[in-house]
PDB file of N, CA and C in Angstrom:
ATOM      1  N   MET A   1     -11.540  -7.747  26.130  1.00  0.00           N
ATOM      2  CA  MET A   1     -11.177  -6.493  26.795  1.00  0.00           C
ATOM      3  C   MET A   1     -10.373  -5.655  25.748  1.00  0.00           C
ATOM      4  N   GLY A   2     -10.943  -4.477  25.363  1.00  0.00           N
ATOM      5  CA  GLY A   2     -10.293  -3.671  24.364  1.00  0.00           C
ATOM      6  C   GLY A   2      -9.537  -2.476  24.923  1.00  0.00           C
ATOM      7  N   TYR A   3      -8.704  -1.842  24.083  1.00  0.00           N
ATOM      8  CA  TYR A   3      -7.892  -0.787  24.532  1.00  0.00           C
ATOM      9  C   TYR A   3      -8.564   0.618  24.136  1.00  0.00           C
ATOM     10  N   ASP A   4      -8.913   1.442  25.016  1.00  0.00           N
ATOM     11  CA  ASP A   4      -9.655   2.625  24.677  1.00  0.00           C
ATOM     12  C   ASP A   4      -8.749   3.897  24.431  1.00  0.00           C
ATOM     13  N   GLY A   5      -7.406   3.734  24.574  1.00  0.00           N
ATOM     14  CA  GLY A   5      -6.499   4.839  24.336  1.00  0.00           C
ATOM     15  C   GLY A   5      -6.268   5.056  22.851  1.00  0.00           C
ATOM     16  N   ASN A   6      -5.389   6.061  22.627  1.00  0.00           N
ATOM     17  CA  ASN A   6      -4.951   6.446  21.195  1.00  0.00           C
ATOM     18  C   ASN A   6      -4.396   5.300  20.554  1.00  0.00           C
ATOM     19  N   GLU A   7      -4.517   5.078  19.323  1.00  0.00           N
ATOM     20  CA  GLU A   7      -3.843   4.082  18.328  1.00  0.00           C
ATOM     21  C   GLU A   7      -2.382   4.579  18.277  1.00  0.00           C
ATOM     22  N   ARG A   8      -1.581   3.712  18.613  1.00  0.00           N
ATOM     23  CA  ARG A   8      -0.097   3.960  18.556  1.00  0.00           C
ATOM     24  C   ARG A   8       0.559   3.168  17.472  1.00  0.00           C
ATOM     25  N   ARG A   9      -0.110   2.225  16.877  1.00  0.00           N
ATOM     26  CA  ARG A   9       0.576   1.367  15.869  1.00  0.00           C
ATOM     27  C   ARG A   9       0.650   2.173  14.610  1.00  0.00           C
ATOM     28  N   VAL A  10       1.694   2.215  13.926  1.00  0.00           N
ATOM     29  CA  VAL A  10       1.804   3.085  12.707  1.00  0.00           C
ATOM     30  C   VAL A  10       1.881   2.174  11.440  1.00  0.00           C
ATOM     31  N   HIS A  11       2.104   1.006  11.512  1.00  0.00           N
ATOM     32  CA  HIS A  11       2.127   0.139  10.311  1.00  0.00           C
ATOM     33  C   HIS A  11       0.791  -0.667  10.034  1.00  0.00           C
ATOM     34  N   ARG A  12       0.420  -0.681   8.773  1.00  0.00           N
ATOM     35  CA  ARG A  12      -0.715  -1.279   8.460  1.00  0.00           C
ATOM     36  C   ARG A  12      -0.567  -2.105   7.071  1.00  0.00           C
ATOM     37  N   LEU A  13      -1.341  -3.151   6.968  1.00  0.00           N
ATOM     38  CA  LEU A  13      -1.196  -3.927   5.733  1.00  0.00           C
ATOM     39  C   LEU A  13      -2.617  -4.063   5.092  1.00  0.00           C
ATOM     40  N   ILE A  14      -2.696  -3.643   3.864  1.00  0.00           N
ATOM     41  CA  ILE A  14      -4.018  -3.755   3.204  1.00  0.00           C
ATOM     42  C   ILE A  14      -3.892  -4.748   2.029  1.00  0.00           C
ATOM     43  N   LEU A  15      -4.654  -5.816   2.012  1.00  0.00           N
ATOM     44  CA  LEU A  15      -4.566  -6.852   1.054  1.00  0.00           C
ATOM     45  C   LEU A  15      -5.721  -6.680  -0.017  1.00  0.00           C
ATOM     46  N   THR A  16      -5.283  -6.686  -1.246  1.00  0.00           N
ATOM     47  CA  THR A  16      -6.418  -6.809  -2.386  1.00  0.00           C
ATOM     48  C   THR A  16      -6.103  -8.115  -3.036  1.00  0.00           C
ATOM     49  N   ARG A  17      -6.929  -8.498  -3.905  1.00  0.00           N
ATOM     50  CA  ARG A  17      -6.858  -9.731  -4.501  1.00  0.00           C
ATOM     51  C   ARG A  17      -5.376 -10.297  -4.876  1.00  0.00           C
ATOM     52  N   ASN A  18      -4.602  -9.257  -5.686  1.00  0.00           N
ATOM     53  CA  ASN A  18      -3.245  -9.726  -6.130  1.00  0.00           C
ATOM     54  C   ASN A  18      -2.112  -9.004  -5.384  1.00  0.00           C
ATOM     55  N   THR A  19      -2.430  -8.053  -4.542  1.00  0.00           N
ATOM     56  CA  THR A  19      -1.366  -7.162  -4.048  1.00  0.00           C
ATOM     57  C   THR A  19      -1.528  -6.838  -2.566  1.00  0.00           C
ATOM     58  N   GLU A  20      -0.444  -6.713  -1.907  1.00  0.00           N
ATOM     59  CA  GLU A  20      -0.189  -6.295  -0.624  1.00  0.00           C
ATOM     60  C   GLU A  20       0.296  -4.771  -0.512  1.00  0.00           C
ATOM     61  N   TYR A  21      -0.551  -3.778   0.024  1.00  0.00           N
ATOM     62  CA  TYR A  21      -0.051  -2.549   0.168  1.00  0.00           C
ATOM     63  C   TYR A  21       0.466  -2.372   1.671  1.00  0.00           C
ATOM     64  N   HIS A  22       1.678  -1.935   1.936  1.00  0.00           N
ATOM     65  CA  HIS A  22       2.225  -1.715   3.294  1.00  0.00           C
ATOM     66  C   HIS A  22       2.274  -0.228   3.544  1.00  0.00           C
ATOM     67  N   PHE A  23       1.679   0.076   4.782  1.00  0.00           N
ATOM     68  CA  PHE A  23       1.662   1.645   5.023  1.00  0.00           C
ATOM     69  C   PHE A  23       2.414   1.943   6.455  1.00  0.00           C
ATOM     70  N   LYS A  24       2.908   3.086   6.496  1.00  0.00           N
ATOM     71  CA  LYS A  24       3.475   3.576   7.622  1.00  0.00           C
ATOM     72  C   LYS A  24       2.929   4.994   7.822  1.00  0.00           C
ATOM     73  N   ASN A  25       2.137   5.238   8.905  1.00  0.00           N
ATOM     74  CA  ASN A  25       1.580   6.595   9.179  1.00  0.00           C
ATOM     75  C   ASN A  25       0.718   6.965   7.943  1.00  0.00           C
ATOM     76  N   GLY A  26       0.053   6.122   7.222  1.00  0.00           N
ATOM     77  CA  GLY A  26      -0.798   6.456   6.057  1.00  0.00           C
ATOM     78  C   GLY A  26      -0.135   6.584   4.731  1.00  0.00           C
ATOM     79  N   VAL A  27       1.187   6.469   4.725  1.00  0.00           N
ATOM     80  CA  VAL A  27       2.023   6.615   3.439  1.00  0.00           C
ATOM     81  C   VAL A  27       2.418   5.118   2.936  1.00  0.00           C
ATOM     82  N   CYS A  28       2.072   4.874   1.663  1.00  0.00           N
ATOM     83  CA  CYS A  28       2.571   3.522   1.245  1.00  0.00           C
ATOM     84  C   CYS A  28       4.115   3.429   1.208  1.00  0.00           C
ATOM     85  N   VAL A  29       4.572   2.587   1.991  1.00  0.00           N
ATOM     86  CA  VAL A  29       6.124   2.359   1.935  1.00  0.00           C
ATOM     87  C   VAL A  29       6.631   1.086   1.178  1.00  0.00           C
ATOM     88  N   ALA A  30       5.716   0.150   0.827  1.00  0.00           N
ATOM     89  CA  ALA A  30       6.087  -1.073   0.055  1.00  0.00           C
ATOM     90  C   ALA A  30       4.819  -1.585  -0.517  1.00  0.00           C
ATOM     91  N   VAL A  31       5.050  -2.334  -1.664  1.00  0.00           N
ATOM     92  CA  VAL A  31       3.968  -3.013  -2.262  1.00  0.00           C
ATOM     93  C   VAL A  31       4.582  -4.291  -2.657  1.00  0.00           C
ATOM     94  N   ARG A  32       3.843  -5.477  -2.599  1.00  0.00           N
ATOM     95  CA  ARG A  32       4.407  -6.824  -2.756  1.00  0.00           C
ATOM     96  C   ARG A  32       3.134  -7.557  -3.655  1.00  0.00           C
ATOM     97  N   ASP A  33       3.584  -8.208  -4.572  1.00  0.00           N
ATOM     98  CA  ASP A  33       2.633  -9.142  -5.362  1.00  0.00           C
ATOM     99  C   ASP A  33       2.458 -10.380  -4.556  1.00  0.00           C
ATOM    100  N   ARG A  34       1.150 -10.695  -4.214  1.00  0.00           N
ATOM    101  CA  ARG A  34       0.770 -11.688  -3.408  1.00  0.00           C
ATOM    102  C   ARG A  34       1.066 -13.194  -4.021  1.00  0.00           C
ATOM    103  N   GLY A  35       1.026 -13.260  -5.332  1.00  0.00           N
ATOM    104  CA  GLY A  35       1.326 -14.580  -5.858  1.00  0.00           C
ATOM    105  C   GLY A  35       2.758 -14.872  -5.889  1.00  0.00           C
ATOM    106  N   SER A  36       3.581 -14.051  -6.330  1.00  0.00           N
ATOM    107  CA  SER A  36       5.105 -14.249  -6.281  1.00  0.00           C
ATOM    108  C   SER A  36       5.783 -13.965  -4.830  1.00  0.00           C
ATOM    109  N   LYS A  37       5.204 -13.228  -4.056  1.00  0.00           N
ATOM    110  CA  LYS A  37       5.764 -12.735  -2.835  1.00  0.00           C
ATOM    111  C   LYS A  37       6.989 -11.751  -3.132  1.00  0.00           C
ATOM    112  N   ARG A  38       7.123 -11.156  -4.306  1.00  0.00           N
ATOM    113  CA  ARG A  38       8.123 -10.262  -4.594  1.00  0.00           C
ATOM    114  C   ARG A  38       7.597  -8.898  -4.426  1.00  0.00           C
ATOM    115  N   TRP A  39       8.649  -8.121  -3.915  1.00  0.00           N
ATOM    116  CA  TRP A  39       8.502  -6.660  -3.621  1.00  0.00           C
ATOM    117  C   TRP A  39       8.343  -5.995  -5.076  1.00  0.00           C
ATOM    118  N   CYS A  40       7.416  -5.028  -5.191  1.00  0.00           N
ATOM    119  CA  CYS A  40       7.256  -4.252  -6.394  1.00  0.00           C
ATOM    120  C   CYS A  40       7.834  -2.877  -6.107  1.00  0.00           C
ATOM    121  N   GLU A  41       9.135  -2.744  -6.253  1.00  0.00           N
ATOM    122  CA  GLU A  41       9.794  -1.545  -5.789  1.00  0.00           C
ATOM    123  C   GLU A  41       9.521  -0.233  -6.726  1.00  0.00           C
ATOM    124  N   GLY A  42       9.176  -0.566  -8.104  1.00  0.00           N
ATOM    125  CA  GLY A  42       8.919   0.568  -8.908  1.00  0.00           C
ATOM    126  C   GLY A  42       7.278   0.789  -8.920  1.00  0.00           C
ATOM    127  N   HIS A  43       6.598   0.379  -7.841  1.00  0.00           N
ATOM    128  CA  HIS A  43       5.009   0.578  -7.989  1.00  0.00           C
ATOM    129  C   HIS A  43       4.616   2.007  -7.914  1.00  0.00           C
ATOM    130  N   LEU A  44       3.737   2.449  -8.482  1.00  0.00           N
ATOM    131  CA  LEU A  44       3.377   3.808  -8.565  1.00  0.00           C
ATOM    132  C   LEU A  44       2.882   4.313  -7.145  1.00  0.00           C
ATOM    133  N   ALA A  45       2.268   3.393  -6.384  1.00  0.00           N
ATOM    134  CA  ALA A  45       1.667   3.598  -5.006  1.00  0.00           C
ATOM    135  C   ALA A  45       2.815   3.943  -4.061  1.00  0.00           C
ATOM    136  N   VAL A  46       4.068   3.480  -4.084  1.00  0.00           N
ATOM    137  CA  VAL A  46       5.095   3.600  -3.147  1.00  0.00           C
ATOM    138  C   VAL A  46       5.308   5.152  -2.986  1.00  0.00           C
ATOM    139  N   SER A  47       5.255   5.504  -1.692  1.00  0.00           N
ATOM    140  CA  SER A  47       5.470   7.016  -1.324  1.00  0.00           C
ATOM    141  C   SER A  47       4.216   7.727  -1.453  1.00  0.00           C
ATOM    142  N   LEU A  48       3.168   7.222  -1.829  1.00  0.00           N
ATOM    143  CA  LEU A  48       1.928   8.075  -1.842  1.00  0.00           C
ATOM    144  C   LEU A  48       1.028   8.050  -0.668  1.00  0.00           C
ATOM    145  N   ARG A  49       0.383   8.913  -0.199  1.00  0.00           N
ATOM    146  CA  ARG A  49      -0.372   8.900   0.939  1.00  0.00           C
ATOM    147  C   ARG A  49      -1.814   8.494   0.719  1.00  0.00           C
ATOM    148  N   LEU A  50      -2.357   7.610   1.326  1.00  0.00           N
ATOM    149  CA  LEU A  50      -3.656   6.945   1.322  1.00  0.00           C
ATOM    150  C   LEU A  50      -4.595   8.140   1.421  1.00  0.00           C
ATOM    151  N   GLU A  51      -5.360   8.478   0.456  1.00  0.00           N
ATOM    152  CA  GLU A  51      -6.350   9.502   0.493  1.00  0.00           C
ATOM    153  C   GLU A  51      -7.786   9.152   1.063  1.00  0.00           C
ATOM    154  N   GLY A  52      -8.095   7.968   0.875  1.00  0.00           N
ATOM    155  CA  GLY A  52      -9.404   7.469   1.304  1.00  0.00           C
ATOM    156  C   GLY A  52      -9.772   6.205   0.415  1.00  0.00           C
ATOM    157  N   GLY A  53     -11.007   5.961   0.350  1.00  0.00           N
ATOM    158  CA  GLY A  53     -11.419   4.683  -0.229  1.00  0.00           C
ATOM    159  C   GLY A  53     -12.511   4.982  -1.400  1.00  0.00           C
ATOM    160  N   VAL A  54     -12.808   3.939  -2.167  1.00  0.00           N
ATOM    161  CA  VAL A  54     -13.945   4.028  -3.103  1.00  0.00           C
ATOM    162  C   VAL A  54     -14.836   2.971  -2.778  1.00  0.00           C
ATOM    163  N   LYS A  55     -16.156   3.440  -2.418  1.00  0.00           N
ATOM    164  CA  LYS A  55     -17.131   2.445  -1.947  1.00  0.00           C
ATOM    165  C   LYS A  55     -17.923   1.895  -3.215  1.00  0.00           C
ATOM    166  N   PHE A  56     -18.153   0.739  -3.291  1.00  0.00           N
ATOM    167  CA  PHE A  56     -18.951   0.093  -4.558  1.00  0.00           C
ATOM    168  C   PHE A  56     -20.382  -0.222  -3.786  1.00  0.00           C
ATOM    169  N   HIS A  57     -21.337   0.202  -4.631  1.00  0.00           N
ATOM    170  CA  HIS A  57     -22.702   0.049  -4.367  1.00  0.00           C
ATOM    171  C   HIS A  57     -23.410  -1.137  -5.095  1.00  0.00           C
ATOM    172  N   THR A  58     -24.453  -1.621  -4.678  1.00  0.00           N
ATOM    173  CA  THR A  58     -25.056  -2.775  -5.264  1.00  0.00           C
ATOM    174  C   THR A  58     -25.710  -2.382  -6.728  1.00  0.00           C
ATOM    175  N   ASN A  59     -25.910  -1.269  -6.793  1.00  0.00           N
ATOM    176  CA  ASN A  59     -26.517  -0.745  -8.267  1.00  0.00           C
ATOM    177  C   ASN A  59     -25.427  -0.354  -9.273  1.00  0.00           C
ATOM    178  N   GLY A  60     -24.082  -0.664  -8.839  1.00  0.00           N
ATOM    179  CA  GLY A  60     -22.889  -0.486  -9.783  1.00  0.00           C
ATOM    180  C   GLY A  60     -22.159   0.827  -9.553  1.00  0.00           C
ATOM    181  N   ALA A  61     -22.817   1.654  -8.842  1.00  0.00           N
ATOM    182  CA  ALA A  61     -22.102   3.024  -8.629  1.00  0.00           C
ATOM    183  C   ALA A  61     -20.771   2.929  -7.701  1.00  0.00           C
ATOM    184  N   MET A  62     -19.926   3.824  -7.946  1.00  0.00           N
ATOM    185  CA  MET A  62     -18.642   3.882  -7.303  1.00  0.00           C
ATOM    186  C   MET A  62     -18.521   5.307  -6.717  1.00  0.00           C
ATOM    187  N   VAL A  63     -18.346   5.467  -5.341  1.00  0.00           N
ATOM    188  CA  VAL A  63     -18.342   6.798  -4.824  1.00  0.00           C
ATOM    189  C   VAL A  63     -17.028   6.831  -3.997  1.00  0.00           C
ATOM    190  N   PRO A  64     -16.265   7.939  -4.492  1.00  0.00           N
ATOM    191  CA  PRO A  64     -15.031   8.218  -3.446  1.00  0.00           C
ATOM    192  C   PRO A  64     -15.475   8.686  -2.153  1.00  0.00           C
ATOM    193  N   SER A  65     -14.564   8.132  -1.199  1.00  0.00           N
ATOM    194  CA  SER A  65     -14.872   8.562   0.161  1.00  0.00           C
ATOM    195  C   SER A  65     -13.535   8.999   0.833  1.00  0.00           C
ATOM    196  N   LEU A  66     -13.560   9.975   1.689  1.00  0.00           N
ATOM    197  CA  LEU A  66     -12.371  10.495   2.255  1.00  0.00           C
ATOM    198  C   LEU A  66     -12.201   9.725   3.784  1.00  0.00           C
ATOM    199  N   VAL A  67     -12.851   8.775   4.044  1.00  0.00           N
ATOM    200  CA  VAL A  67     -12.720   8.099   5.342  1.00  0.00           C
ATOM    201  C   VAL A  67     -11.886   6.859   5.047  1.00  0.00           C
ATOM    202  N   GLU A  68     -11.393   6.261   6.210  1.00  0.00           N
ATOM    203  CA  GLU A  68     -10.583   5.109   6.135  1.00  0.00           C
ATOM    204  C   GLU A  68     -11.321   4.012   5.295  1.00  0.00           C
ATOM    205  N   PRO A  69     -10.740   3.405   4.300  1.00  0.00           N
ATOM    206  CA  PRO A  69     -11.296   2.338   3.492  1.00  0.00           C
ATOM    207  C   PRO A  69     -11.456   1.131   4.371  1.00  0.00           C
ATOM    208  N   GLU A  70     -12.541   0.330   4.034  1.00  0.00           N
ATOM    209  CA  GLU A  70     -12.703  -0.928   4.759  1.00  0.00           C
ATOM    210  C   GLU A  70     -12.862  -2.174   3.695  1.00  0.00           C
ATOM    211  N   PRO A  71     -12.669  -3.257   4.190  1.00  0.00           N
ATOM    212  CA  PRO A  71     -12.820  -4.352   3.337  1.00  0.00           C
ATOM    213  C   PRO A  71     -14.056  -4.236   2.416  1.00  0.00           C
ATOM    214  N   GLY A  72     -13.908  -4.573   1.208  1.00  0.00           N
ATOM    215  CA  GLY A  72     -14.881  -4.392   0.188  1.00  0.00           C
ATOM    216  C   GLY A  72     -14.709  -3.017  -0.661  1.00  0.00           C
ATOM    217  N   ASP A  73     -14.132  -2.030  -0.022  1.00  0.00           N
ATOM    218  CA  ASP A  73     -13.811  -0.663  -0.672  1.00  0.00           C
ATOM    219  C   ASP A  73     -12.482  -0.907  -1.560  1.00  0.00           C
ATOM    220  N   ALA A  74     -12.117   0.037  -2.285  1.00  0.00           N
ATOM    221  CA  ALA A  74     -10.909   0.245  -2.892  1.00  0.00           C
ATOM    222  C   ALA A  74     -10.093   1.168  -2.229  1.00  0.00           C
ATOM    223  N   VAL A  75      -8.804   1.166  -2.364  1.00  0.00           N
ATOM    224  CA  VAL A  75      -8.012   2.309  -1.901  1.00  0.00           C
ATOM    225  C   VAL A  75      -7.848   3.362  -2.966  1.00  0.00           C
ATOM    226  N   TYR A  76      -7.830   4.503  -2.404  1.00  0.00           N
ATOM    227  CA  TYR A  76      -7.702   5.691  -3.387  1.00  0.00           C
ATOM    228  C   TYR A  76      -6.398   6.598  -2.998  1.00  0.00           C
ATOM    229  N   PHE A  77      -5.550   6.774  -4.120  1.00  0.00           N
ATOM    230  CA  PHE A  77      -4.462   7.613  -3.955  1.00  0.00           C
ATOM    231  C   PHE A  77      -4.555   8.703  -4.908  1.00  0.00           C
ATOM    232  N   SER A  78      -4.072   9.867  -4.782  1.00  0.00           N
ATOM    233  CA  SER A  78      -3.964  10.898  -5.757  1.00  0.00           C
ATOM    234  C   SER A  78      -2.515  11.400  -5.846  1.00  0.00           C
ATOM    235  N   TYR A  79      -2.031  11.855  -6.976  1.00  0.00           N
ATOM    236  CA  TYR A  79      -0.742  12.281  -7.170  1.00  0.00           C
ATOM    237  C   TYR A  79      -0.601  13.116  -8.410  1.00  0.00           C
ATOM    238  N   LYS A  80       0.451  13.969  -8.513  1.00  0.00           N
ATOM    239  CA  LYS A  80       0.685  14.892  -9.576  1.00  0.00           C
ATOM    240  C   LYS A  80       1.806  14.297 -10.441  1.00  0.00           C
ATOM    241  N   THR A  81       1.572  14.326 -11.948  1.00  0.00           N
ATOM    242  CA  THR A  81       2.589  13.871 -12.699  1.00  0.00           C
ATOM    243  C   THR A  81       3.653  14.875 -12.892  1.00  0.00           C
ATOM    244  N   PRO A  82       4.797  14.606 -13.357  1.00  0.00           N
ATOM    245  CA  PRO A  82       6.091  15.401 -13.591  1.00  0.00           C
ATOM    246  C   PRO A  82       5.421  16.813 -14.255  1.00  0.00           C
ATOM    247  N   SER A  83       4.416  16.633 -15.132  1.00  0.00           N
ATOM    248  CA  SER A  83       3.960  17.871 -15.951  1.00  0.00           C
ATOM    249  C   SER A  83       2.914  18.656 -15.049  1.00  0.00           C
ATOM    250  N   GLY A  84       2.657  18.239 -13.821  1.00  0.00           N
ATOM    251  CA  GLY A  84       1.525  18.984 -12.922  1.00  0.00           C
ATOM    252  C   GLY A  84       0.262  18.541 -13.115  1.00  0.00           C
ATOM    253  N   GLU A  85      -0.102  17.408 -13.958  1.00  0.00           N
ATOM    254  CA  GLU A  85      -1.498  16.853 -14.030  1.00  0.00           C
ATOM    255  C   GLU A  85      -1.836  16.095 -12.684  1.00  0.00           C
ATOM    256  N   ASP A  86      -3.101  16.315 -12.221  1.00  0.00           N
ATOM    257  CA  ASP A  86      -3.602  15.455 -11.048  1.00  0.00           C
ATOM    258  C   ASP A  86      -4.196  14.144 -11.749  1.00  0.00           C
ATOM    259  N   ARG A  87      -3.707  13.125 -11.024  1.00  0.00           N
ATOM    260  CA  ARG A  87      -4.106  11.799 -11.454  1.00  0.00           C
ATOM    261  C   ARG A  87      -4.522  10.968 -10.177  1.00  0.00           C
ATOM    262  N   GLN A  88      -5.197   9.914 -10.455  1.00  0.00           N
ATOM    263  CA  GLN A  88      -5.782   9.022  -9.247  1.00  0.00           C
ATOM    264  C   GLN A  88      -5.294   7.685  -9.516  1.00  0.00           C
ATOM    265  N   LEU A  89      -4.987   6.967  -8.507  1.00  0.00           N
ATOM    266  CA  LEU A  89      -4.726   5.519  -8.537  1.00  0.00           C
ATOM    267  C   LEU A  89      -5.684   4.899  -7.655  1.00  0.00           C
ATOM    268  N   VAL A  90      -6.500   3.938  -8.062  1.00  0.00           N
ATOM    269  CA  VAL A  90      -7.454   3.049  -7.395  1.00  0.00           C
ATOM    270  C   VAL A  90      -7.077   1.701  -7.430  1.00  0.00           C
ATOM    271  N   THR A  91      -6.968   0.964  -6.373  1.00  0.00           N
ATOM    272  CA  THR A  91      -6.708  -0.378  -6.308  1.00  0.00           C
ATOM    273  C   THR A  91      -8.020  -1.186  -6.516  1.00  0.00           C
ATOM    274  N   SER A  92      -7.871  -2.529  -6.657  1.00  0.00           N
ATOM    275  CA  SER A  92      -8.982  -3.467  -6.540  1.00  0.00           C
ATOM    276  C   SER A  92      -9.576  -3.510  -5.250  1.00  0.00           C
ATOM    277  N   ARG A  93     -10.589  -4.251  -4.913  1.00  0.00           N
ATOM    278  CA  ARG A  93     -11.239  -4.208  -3.774  1.00  0.00           C
ATOM    279  C   ARG A  93     -10.392  -4.772  -2.532  1.00  0.00           C
ATOM    280  N   ILE A  94     -10.562  -4.133  -1.301  1.00  0.00           N
ATOM    281  CA  ILE A  94      -9.834  -4.754  -0.303  1.00  0.00           C
ATOM    282  C   ILE A  94     -10.431  -6.032   0.242  1.00  0.00           C
ATOM    283  N   GLU A  95      -9.556  -6.984   0.533  1.00  0.00           N
ATOM    284  CA  GLU A  95     -10.012  -8.331   1.009  1.00  0.00           C
ATOM    285  C   GLU A  95      -9.628  -8.180   2.585  1.00  0.00           C
ATOM    286  N   ALA A  96      -8.723  -7.547   3.106  1.00  0.00           N
ATOM    287  CA  ALA A  96      -8.428  -7.634   4.475  1.00  0.00           C
ATOM    288  C   ALA A  96      -7.523  -6.464   4.901  1.00  0.00           C
ATOM    289  N   ILE A  97      -7.578  -6.040   6.080  1.00  0.00           N
ATOM    290  CA  ILE A  97      -6.748  -4.971   6.635  1.00  0.00           C
ATOM    291  C   ILE A  97      -6.158  -5.576   8.018  1.00  0.00           C
ATOM    292  N   SER A  98      -4.760  -5.526   8.074  1.00  0.00           N
ATOM    293  CA  SER A  98      -4.159  -6.208   9.186  1.00  0.00           C
ATOM    294  C   SER A  98      -2.859  -5.390   9.551  1.00  0.00           C
ATOM    295  N   ARG A  99      -2.136  -5.981  10.499  1.00  0.00           N
ATOM    296  CA  ARG A  99      -0.856  -5.446  10.706  1.00  0.00           C
ATOM    297  C   ARG A  99       0.262  -6.330  10.041  1.00  0.00           C
ATOM    298  N   PRO A 100       1.245  -5.751   9.465  1.00  0.00           N
ATOM    299  CA  PRO A 100       2.314  -6.491   8.671  1.00  0.00           C
ATOM    300  C   PRO A 100       3.136  -7.296   9.661  1.00  0.00           C
ATOM    301  N   PRO A 101       3.530  -8.540   9.373  1.00  0.00           N
ATOM    302  CA  PRO A 101       4.560  -9.202  10.148  1.00  0.00           C
ATOM    303  C   PRO A 101       5.866  -8.404  10.457  1.00  0.00           C
ATOM    304  N   LYS A 102       6.575  -8.624  11.509  1.00  0.00           N
ATOM    305  CA  LYS A 102       7.560  -7.843  11.913  1.00  0.00           C
ATOM    306  C   LYS A 102       8.694  -8.106  10.764  1.00  0.00           C
ATOM    307  N   ARG A 103       8.873  -9.237  10.254  1.00  0.00           N
ATOM    308  CA  ARG A 103       9.881  -9.438   9.329  1.00  0.00           C
ATOM    309  C   ARG A 103       9.706  -8.496   8.046  1.00  0.00           C
ATOM    310  N   ASP A 104       8.352  -8.246   7.656  1.00  0.00           N
ATOM    311  CA  ASP A 104       8.094  -7.314   6.580  1.00  0.00           C
ATOM    312  C   ASP A 104       8.630  -5.936   6.876  1.00  0.00           C
ATOM    313  N   VAL A 105       8.138  -5.401   8.079  1.00  0.00           N
ATOM    314  CA  VAL A 105       8.455  -3.943   8.573  1.00  0.00           C
ATOM    315  C   VAL A 105       9.980  -3.844   8.487  1.00  0.00           C
ATOM    316  N   LEU A 106      10.861  -4.889   8.836  1.00  0.00           N
ATOM    317  CA  LEU A 106      12.270  -4.797   8.961  1.00  0.00           C
ATOM    318  C   LEU A 106      12.757  -4.812   7.569  1.00  0.00           C
ATOM    319  N   ALA A 107      12.039  -5.369   6.457  1.00  0.00           N
ATOM    320  CA  ALA A 107      12.486  -5.437   5.211  1.00  0.00           C
ATOM    321  C   ALA A 107      12.271  -4.178   4.529  1.00  0.00           C
ATOM    322  N   TYR A 108      11.429  -3.160   4.942  1.00  0.00           N
ATOM    323  CA  TYR A 108      11.161  -2.013   4.151  1.00  0.00           C
ATOM    324  C   TYR A 108      12.447  -1.276   3.999  1.00  0.00           C
ATOM    325  N   SER A 109      13.329  -1.106   4.989  1.00  0.00           N
ATOM    326  CA  SER A 109      14.508  -0.309   4.902  1.00  0.00           C
ATOM    327  C   SER A 109      15.453  -0.929   3.821  1.00  0.00           C
ATOM    328  N   THR A 110      15.402  -2.123   3.483  1.00  0.00           N
ATOM    329  CA  THR A 110      16.295  -2.705   2.325  1.00  0.00           C
ATOM    330  C   THR A 110      15.813  -2.437   1.052  1.00  0.00           C
ATOM    331  N   LEU A 111      14.397  -2.158   0.868  1.00  0.00           N
ATOM    332  CA  LEU A 111      13.897  -1.936  -0.430  1.00  0.00           C
ATOM    333  C   LEU A 111      14.624  -0.865  -1.150  1.00  0.00           C
ATOM    334  N   GLY A 112      14.910  -1.042  -2.413  1.00  0.00           N
ATOM    335  CA  GLY A 112      15.499   0.119  -3.117  1.00  0.00           C
ATOM    336  C   GLY A 112      17.081   0.372  -2.860  1.00  0.00           C
ATOM    337  N   VAL A 113      17.571  -0.468  -2.092  1.00  0.00           N
ATOM    338  CA  VAL A 113      19.036  -0.268  -1.818  1.00  0.00           C
ATOM    339  C   VAL A 113      19.785  -1.216  -2.807  1.00  0.00           C
ATOM    340  N   LYS A 114      20.636  -0.486  -3.574  1.00  0.00           N
ATOM    341  CA  LYS A 114      21.577  -1.234  -4.496  1.00  0.00           C
ATOM    342  C   LYS A 114      22.529  -1.993  -3.702  1.00  0.00           C
ATOM    343  N   ARG A 115      22.641  -3.224  -4.212  1.00  0.00           N
ATOM    344  CA  ARG A 115      23.782  -4.010  -3.488  1.00  0.00           C
ATOM    345  C   ARG A 115      24.956  -4.184  -4.525  1.00  0.00           C
ATOM    346  N   PRO A 116      26.070  -4.068  -3.953  1.00  0.00           N
ATOM    347  CA  PRO A 116      27.216  -4.367  -5.040  1.00  0.00           C
ATOM    348  C   PRO A 116      27.206  -5.821  -5.407  1.00  0.00           C
ATOM    349  N   ALA A 117      27.640  -6.140  -6.644  1.00  0.00           N
ATOM    350  CA  ALA A 117      27.886  -7.374  -7.107  1.00  0.00           C
ATOM    351  C   ALA A 117      28.846  -8.234  -6.118  1.00  0.00           C
ATOM    352  N   PRO A 118      28.815  -9.433  -5.953  1.00  0.00           N
ATOM    353  CA  PRO A 118      29.836 -10.251  -5.343  1.00  0.00           C
ATOM    354  C   PRO A 118      31.124 -10.162  -5.990  1.00  0.00           C
ATOM    355  N   LYS A 119      32.242  -9.941  -5.189  1.00  0.00           N
ATOM    356  CA  LYS A 119      33.556  -9.815  -5.823  1.00  0.00           C
ATOM    357  C   LYS A 119      33.757 -11.153  -6.604  1.00  0.00           C
ATOM    358  N   GLY A 120      34.554 -10.863  -7.662  1.00  0.00           N
ATOM    359  CA  GLY A 120      34.936 -11.989  -8.498  1.00  0.00           C
ATOM    360  C   GLY A 120      34.002 -12.219  -9.727  1.00  0.00           C
ATOM    361  N   LEU A 121      32.838 -11.392  -9.637  1.00  0.00           N
ATOM    362  CA  LEU A 121      31.849 -11.716 -10.849  1.00  0.00           C
ATOM    363  C   LEU A 121      31.945 -10.384 -11.599  1.00  0.00           C
ATOM    364  N   ARG A 122      32.053 -10.615 -12.982  1.00  0.00           N
ATOM    365  CA  ARG A 122      32.076  -9.505 -13.837  1.00  0.00           C
ATOM    366  C   ARG A 122      31.156  -9.576 -14.956  1.00  0.00           C
ATOM    367  N   PHE A 123      30.517  -8.631 -15.257  1.00  0.00           N
ATOM    368  CA  PHE A 123      29.373  -8.595 -16.337  1.00  0.00           C
ATOM    369  C   PHE A 123      29.903  -7.687 -17.543  1.00  0.00           C
TER     370      PHE A 123
END
């Protein structure tokens, strides 16, 4: 039995071979390395909107698509450099699309937050 109403879930997780891309309302909010399970806070995709996908064809052709990417496609982002140049970021192929675990969603707010060093330690 499926739900026929509007999709209300805002979080999505896209897995590629080496990377997890975490999205909220179509914007990448976090990236994590699948091998080390460490968050990549400085990753270029963080804060970029998912533009679409790149479809791979059996003849080797790759075609950008502005529809939601599916497993087998790559994720496509576009952005402007500080000098105003248009650039694109394309991931490796998507292996799976799912919902992130609640603990990951709760962790998003802690990413990028500088924590003070424990008292008594000096560097």
